[in-house]
Amino acid sequence: MQLGVNVPNFGPGTDPGLLRDWARVVEGLGFDLVMVSDHVAVTADVAERYPEPFYDPFATLSWLAGVTDGRLRLGTTVLVLPYRNPLLVARMSSSLHRLSGGQFVLGVGLGWARQEFEALGVPFGARGRLTDEYLWAVRESWVKQGDGAAAPVWVGGHSEAAIRRAAELGDAWHPLRLPVERMRSVLERHELPGFAPRVALRLTDEPVPGPDRPAGVGDLEQVVADLRELHGLGAEAVVLDPYHGDPEETRRPETAWRALTAVSEAWRRSS
């Protein structure tokens, strides 16, 4: 099972130097995958948690590919698919996949920020339908390009529609910040092409009780146990997300780096 990291590509502390440092820390700790998020119009509802500067995911990943050694996979978690013409997404994705030596993962979702949809002129209520249509169009475009080694598509979300979308149009289901038991229940009820969750990474000094504890939240022993359970459920990759929603965290990446170091070392010892 591969381990990845969702790197903040936004916020007051983020600049090219820090993004480079993030990539080198992730690479140096032996992680397999670095992923970034997506917003286009940073409207008020987005800016509360993900403020400017917000670096475009394709541009950021292309740049990171050039400052790392080529071993790391690169991905989006998640690209808001209804925001862009699907033929543009297909072209940008296939270009990045080829230029990175087949290292790109296209994680997609339907989005949540109503004001951002309005700013972009995209109907919020149609985002599910548009995501389905656009995914079909992306895959058809890859076929027409003769791209036999297209980027894998990870489909985010955990509604019934999202799970159906992952089963029909994706290469893996990519749920975000769910408890292990919730993911287990979905996997037991649905036949899915793959499983690659993104989990919160919040280390605590004491164990966190309760059945609703999100995977990745708790003391180090709990987090490593979560990773073992996800591996047992067939996860091909798990993406750790050390950002907790306070933009000021982007000025203090050392806290996240310490948590990633602890998990990386503990996971290697237990494997």
Protein backbone atom coordinates (compact mmCIF):
# COMPACT_ATOMS: atom_id res chain seq x y z
CA MET A 1 0.00 0.00 0.00
CA GLN A 2 1.34 3.40 -0.96
CA LEU A 3 1.19 6.38 1.37
CA GLY A 4 0.69 9.94 0.13
CA VAL A 5 0.36 13.44 1.53
CA ASN A 6 -2.11 16.20 0.70
CA VAL A 7 0.10 19.30 0.59
CA PRO A 8 -1.48 22.75 1.14
CA ASN A 9 -1.22 24.70 -2.13
CA PHE A 10 -2.95 27.71 -0.60
CA GLY A 11 -2.87 30.05 2.36
CA PRO A 12 -0.87 32.97 3.71
CA GLY A 13 2.26 30.95 4.45
CA THR A 14 2.44 29.19 1.11
CA ASP A 15 4.89 30.33 -1.56
CA PRO A 16 7.11 28.53 -4.10
CA GLY A 17 9.88 27.99 -1.56
CA LEU A 18 7.55 26.39 0.96
CA LEU A 19 5.92 24.21 -1.69
CA ARG A 20 9.37 22.99 -2.68
CA ASP A 21 10.16 22.30 0.98
CA TRP A 22 6.93 20.37 1.37
CA ALA A 23 7.72 18.19 -1.64
CA ARG A 24 11.23 17.50 -0.43
CA VAL A 25 10.03 16.61 3.08
CA VAL A 26 7.43 14.23 1.63
CA GLU A 27 10.01 12.73 -0.70
CA GLY A 28 12.66 12.48 2.01
CA LEU A 29 10.33 10.66 4.39
CA GLY A 30 9.72 7.99 1.79
CA PHE A 31 6.14 8.78 0.90
CA ASP A 32 4.93 7.70 -2.53
CA LEU A 33 2.49 10.40 -3.57
CA VAL A 34 2.01 14.16 -3.24
CA MET A 35 -1.45 15.62 -3.92
CA VAL A 36 -2.90 19.14 -3.98
CA SER A 37 -6.37 20.67 -3.88
CA ASP A 38 -8.42 22.77 -6.27
CA HIS A 39 -10.33 26.05 -6.22
CA VAL A 40 -10.60 28.55 -9.04
CA ALA A 41 -12.54 31.55 -7.74
CA VAL A 42 -11.67 31.93 -4.07
CA THR A 43 -15.03 33.28 -2.98
CA ALA A 44 -15.92 34.09 0.62
CA ASP A 45 -17.15 30.57 1.40
CA VAL A 46 -13.86 29.10 0.14
CA ALA A 47 -11.58 31.75 1.66
CA GLU A 48 -12.59 30.92 5.24
CA ARG A 49 -10.60 27.68 5.05
CA TYR A 50 -8.60 27.92 1.83
CA PRO A 51 -7.57 31.56 1.27
CA GLU A 52 -5.35 33.17 -1.32
CA PRO A 53 -2.82 32.65 -2.64
CA PHE A 54 -4.32 29.51 -4.13
CA TYR A 55 -1.99 27.89 -6.64
CA ASP A 56 -3.55 26.11 -9.61
CA PRO A 57 -3.17 22.33 -9.16
CA PHE A 58 -1.91 21.53 -12.65
CA ALA A 59 0.67 24.31 -12.60
CA THR A 60 1.74 23.40 -9.05
CA LEU A 61 2.15 19.70 -9.78
CA SER A 62 4.04 20.38 -13.00
CA TRP A 63 6.43 22.63 -11.08
CA LEU A 64 6.82 20.11 -8.25
CA ALA A 65 7.64 17.41 -10.78
CA GLY A 66 10.63 19.50 -11.79
CA VAL A 67 11.99 20.00 -8.26
CA THR A 68 11.72 16.37 -7.12
CA ASP A 69 13.54 13.28 -8.32
CA GLY A 70 10.72 11.83 -10.41
CA ARG A 71 9.84 9.02 -8.00
CA LEU A 72 6.82 10.72 -6.41
CA ARG A 73 3.39 10.26 -7.94
CA LEU A 74 1.43 13.50 -8.37
CA GLY A 75 -2.27 14.01 -8.00
CA THR A 76 -5.33 16.15 -7.34
CA THR A 77 -7.50 15.65 -4.28
CA VAL A 78 -9.77 16.66 -5.69
CA LEU A 79 -10.15 18.57 -8.94
CA VAL A 80 -13.64 20.11 -9.02
CA LEU A 81 -14.62 18.69 -12.37
CA PRO A 82 -17.61 20.93 -13.26
CA TYR A 83 -15.39 24.04 -13.13
CA ARG A 84 -13.54 23.29 -16.38
CA ASN A 85 -14.31 22.17 -19.89
CA PRO A 86 -13.77 18.39 -19.87
CA LEU A 87 -11.67 18.47 -23.04
CA LEU A 88 -9.34 20.91 -21.30
CA VAL A 89 -9.15 18.62 -18.25
CA ALA A 90 -8.42 15.65 -20.50
CA ARG A 91 -5.64 17.50 -22.34
CA MET A 92 -4.02 18.92 -19.19
CA SER A 93 -4.22 15.57 -17.41
CA SER A 94 -2.77 13.55 -20.25
CA SER A 95 0.00 16.10 -20.76
CA LEU A 96 1.00 16.02 -17.10
CA HIS A 97 0.75 12.24 -17.02
CA ARG A 98 3.05 11.87 -20.02
CA LEU A 99 5.52 14.56 -19.00
CA SER A 100 5.84 13.07 -15.51
CA GLY A 101 6.54 9.58 -16.82
CA GLY A 102 3.09 8.22 -15.98
CA GLN A 103 3.03 9.54 -12.43
CA PHE A 104 -0.21 11.55 -12.44
CA VAL A 105 -3.45 10.64 -10.61
CA LEU A 106 -6.61 12.56 -11.50
CA GLY A 107 -8.70 12.76 -8.34
CA VAL A 108 -12.07 14.37 -9.07
CA GLY A 109 -15.13 15.55 -7.18
CA LEU A 110 -18.27 17.58 -7.76
CA GLY A 111 -17.49 20.50 -5.39
CA TRP A 112 -19.33 22.16 -2.51
CA ALA A 113 -18.79 25.95 -2.65
CA ARG A 114 -22.05 27.45 -3.90
CA GLN A 115 -20.63 30.99 -4.24
CA GLU A 116 -17.71 29.71 -6.30
CA PHE A 117 -20.09 27.95 -8.68
CA GLU A 118 -22.03 31.19 -9.05
CA ALA A 119 -18.85 33.17 -9.74
CA LEU A 120 -17.91 30.71 -12.49
CA GLY A 121 -21.39 30.65 -14.01
CA VAL A 122 -21.84 26.94 -13.35
CA PRO A 123 -25.24 25.79 -11.99
CA PHE A 124 -24.70 24.45 -8.47
CA GLY A 125 -27.72 22.15 -8.65
CA ALA A 126 -26.42 20.48 -11.81
CA ARG A 127 -22.96 19.64 -10.47
CA GLY A 128 -23.67 15.91 -10.08
CA ARG A 129 -24.96 15.54 -13.62
CA LEU A 130 -22.12 17.65 -14.98
CA THR A 131 -19.52 15.56 -13.15
CA ASP A 132 -20.91 12.39 -14.73
CA GLU A 133 -21.04 13.95 -18.19
CA TYR A 134 -17.57 15.44 -17.89
CA LEU A 135 -16.01 12.19 -16.69
CA TRP A 136 -17.45 10.40 -19.71
CA ALA A 137 -16.09 13.17 -21.94
CA VAL A 138 -12.61 13.01 -20.36
CA ARG A 139 -12.40 9.26 -20.89
CA GLU A 140 -13.70 9.50 -24.46
CA SER A 141 -11.13 12.20 -25.21
CA TRP A 142 -8.33 9.96 -23.94
CA VAL A 143 -9.54 7.16 -26.20
CA LYS A 144 -9.57 9.50 -29.21
CA GLN A 145 -6.07 10.67 -28.32
CA GLY A 146 -5.00 7.04 -28.41
CA ASP A 147 -3.86 7.37 -24.81
CA GLY A 148 -3.60 3.73 -23.76
CA ALA A 149 -1.82 4.67 -20.54
CA ALA A 150 -4.24 7.32 -19.32
CA ALA A 151 -4.01 8.66 -15.79
CA PRO A 152 -5.96 6.71 -13.16
CA VAL A 153 -9.13 8.45 -12.02
CA TRP A 154 -9.98 8.52 -8.32
CA VAL A 155 -13.57 9.59 -7.65
CA GLY A 156 -14.26 11.45 -4.42
CA GLY A 157 -17.43 11.63 -2.34
CA HIS A 158 -19.40 9.16 -0.24
CA SER A 159 -23.02 9.69 -1.27
CA GLU A 160 -24.76 6.90 -3.14
CA ALA A 161 -24.36 8.91 -6.35
CA ALA A 162 -20.62 9.34 -5.74
CA ILE A 163 -20.16 5.63 -5.05
CA ARG A 164 -22.08 4.76 -8.22
CA ARG A 165 -19.89 7.26 -10.11
CA ALA A 166 -16.73 5.64 -8.75
CA ALA A 167 -17.97 2.19 -9.73
CA GLU A 168 -18.97 3.19 -13.27
CA LEU A 169 -16.43 5.84 -14.22
CA GLY A 170 -13.48 5.62 -11.86
CA ASP A 171 -10.44 3.50 -11.21
CA ALA A 172 -10.78 3.90 -7.44
CA TRP A 173 -13.14 5.28 -4.82
CA HIS A 174 -11.47 8.22 -3.05
CA PRO A 175 -13.47 9.05 0.10
CA LEU A 176 -12.37 11.97 2.25
CA ARG A 177 -12.04 12.00 6.06
CA LEU A 178 -14.39 9.13 6.99
CA PRO A 179 -14.24 6.68 9.92
CA VAL A 180 -12.81 3.27 9.02
CA GLU A 181 -16.10 1.53 9.76
CA ARG A 182 -17.99 3.83 7.39
CA MET A 183 -15.59 2.95 4.60
CA ARG A 184 -15.76 -0.74 5.47
CA SER A 185 -19.56 -0.64 5.23
CA VAL A 186 -19.44 0.91 1.76
CA LEU A 187 -16.87 -1.59 0.53
CA GLU A 188 -18.94 -4.50 1.82
CA ARG A 189 -22.06 -3.28 0.01
CA HIS A 190 -20.57 -2.18 -3.31
CA GLU A 191 -18.24 -3.66 -5.89
CA LEU A 192 -15.71 -0.92 -6.59
CA PRO A 193 -12.77 -0.91 -9.02
CA GLY A 194 -10.29 0.26 -6.37
CA PHE A 195 -9.98 2.02 -3.03
CA ALA A 196 -7.70 4.98 -2.23
CA PRO A 197 -8.97 7.06 0.70
CA ARG A 198 -7.79 10.41 1.97
CA VAL A 199 -7.74 10.58 5.75
CA ALA A 200 -7.17 13.35 8.25
CA LEU A 201 -3.84 13.31 10.08
CA ARG A 202 -4.28 14.71 13.56
CA LEU A 203 -2.01 13.15 16.18
CA THR A 204 -3.13 13.43 19.79
CA ASP A 205 -1.36 12.69 23.05
CA GLU A 206 -4.16 10.41 24.26
CA PRO A 207 -6.35 7.92 22.36
CA VAL A 208 -9.52 9.36 20.85
CA PRO A 209 -12.57 7.26 21.81
CA GLY A 210 -15.77 6.60 19.94
CA PRO A 211 -16.99 4.78 16.83
CA ASP A 212 -17.28 8.00 14.84
CA ARG A 213 -13.56 8.84 15.14
CA PRO A 214 -12.31 9.73 11.65
CA ALA A 215 -9.47 7.57 10.38
CA GLY A 216 -6.13 9.21 11.04
CA VAL A 217 -7.31 11.10 14.14
CA GLY A 218 -5.92 9.82 17.44
CA ASP A 219 -2.67 8.83 19.04
CA LEU A 220 0.11 7.29 16.97
CA GLU A 221 -0.95 3.73 17.78
CA GLN A 222 -4.50 4.43 16.60
CA VAL A 223 -3.35 6.05 13.38
CA VAL A 224 -1.04 3.15 12.50
CA ALA A 225 -3.87 0.73 13.33
CA ASP A 226 -6.12 2.69 10.97
CA LEU A 227 -3.55 2.30 8.20
CA ARG A 228 -3.35 -1.44 8.84
CA GLU A 229 -7.15 -1.72 8.65
CA LEU A 230 -7.29 0.28 5.43
CA HIS A 231 -4.59 -1.95 3.98
CA GLY A 232 -6.69 -4.95 4.97
CA LEU A 233 -9.69 -3.42 3.21
CA GLY A 234 -7.69 -3.35 -0.01
CA ALA A 235 -6.52 0.25 -0.14
CA GLU A 236 -3.98 0.69 -2.92
CA ALA A 237 -3.00 4.06 -1.43
CA VAL A 238 -3.87 6.22 1.57
CA VAL A 239 -3.41 9.99 1.41
CA LEU A 240 -2.70 11.72 4.72
CA ASP A 241 -4.12 15.23 5.11
CA PRO A 242 -2.37 17.16 7.89
CA TYR A 243 -4.27 20.44 7.30
CA HIS A 244 -7.00 21.09 9.88
CA GLY A 245 -8.74 24.14 8.45
CA ASP A 246 -6.90 27.07 10.05
CA PRO A 247 -5.09 29.07 7.33
CA GLU A 248 -2.46 30.13 9.88
CA GLU A 249 -1.27 26.51 9.86
CA THR A 250 0.32 27.23 6.49
CA ARG A 251 2.81 29.51 8.27
CA ARG A 252 3.83 26.67 10.61
CA PRO A 253 4.39 23.55 8.48
CA GLU A 254 6.82 22.07 11.02
CA THR A 255 3.90 20.75 13.09
CA ALA A 256 2.58 18.78 10.13
CA TRP A 257 6.07 17.61 9.20
CA ARG A 258 6.62 16.21 12.70
CA ALA A 259 3.35 14.29 12.51
CA LEU A 260 4.23 12.92 9.08
CA THR A 261 7.66 11.88 10.32
CA ALA A 262 6.16 10.02 13.27
CA VAL A 263 3.64 8.17 11.11
CA SER A 264 6.18 7.33 8.41
CA GLU A 265 8.62 5.86 10.91
CA ALA A 266 5.93 3.96 12.83
CA TRP A 267 4.41 2.57 9.62
CA ARG A 268 7.79 1.31 8.41
CA ARG A 269 8.42 -0.39 11.77
CA SER A 270 5.05 -2.12 11.65
CA SER A 271 5.25 -3.25 8.03
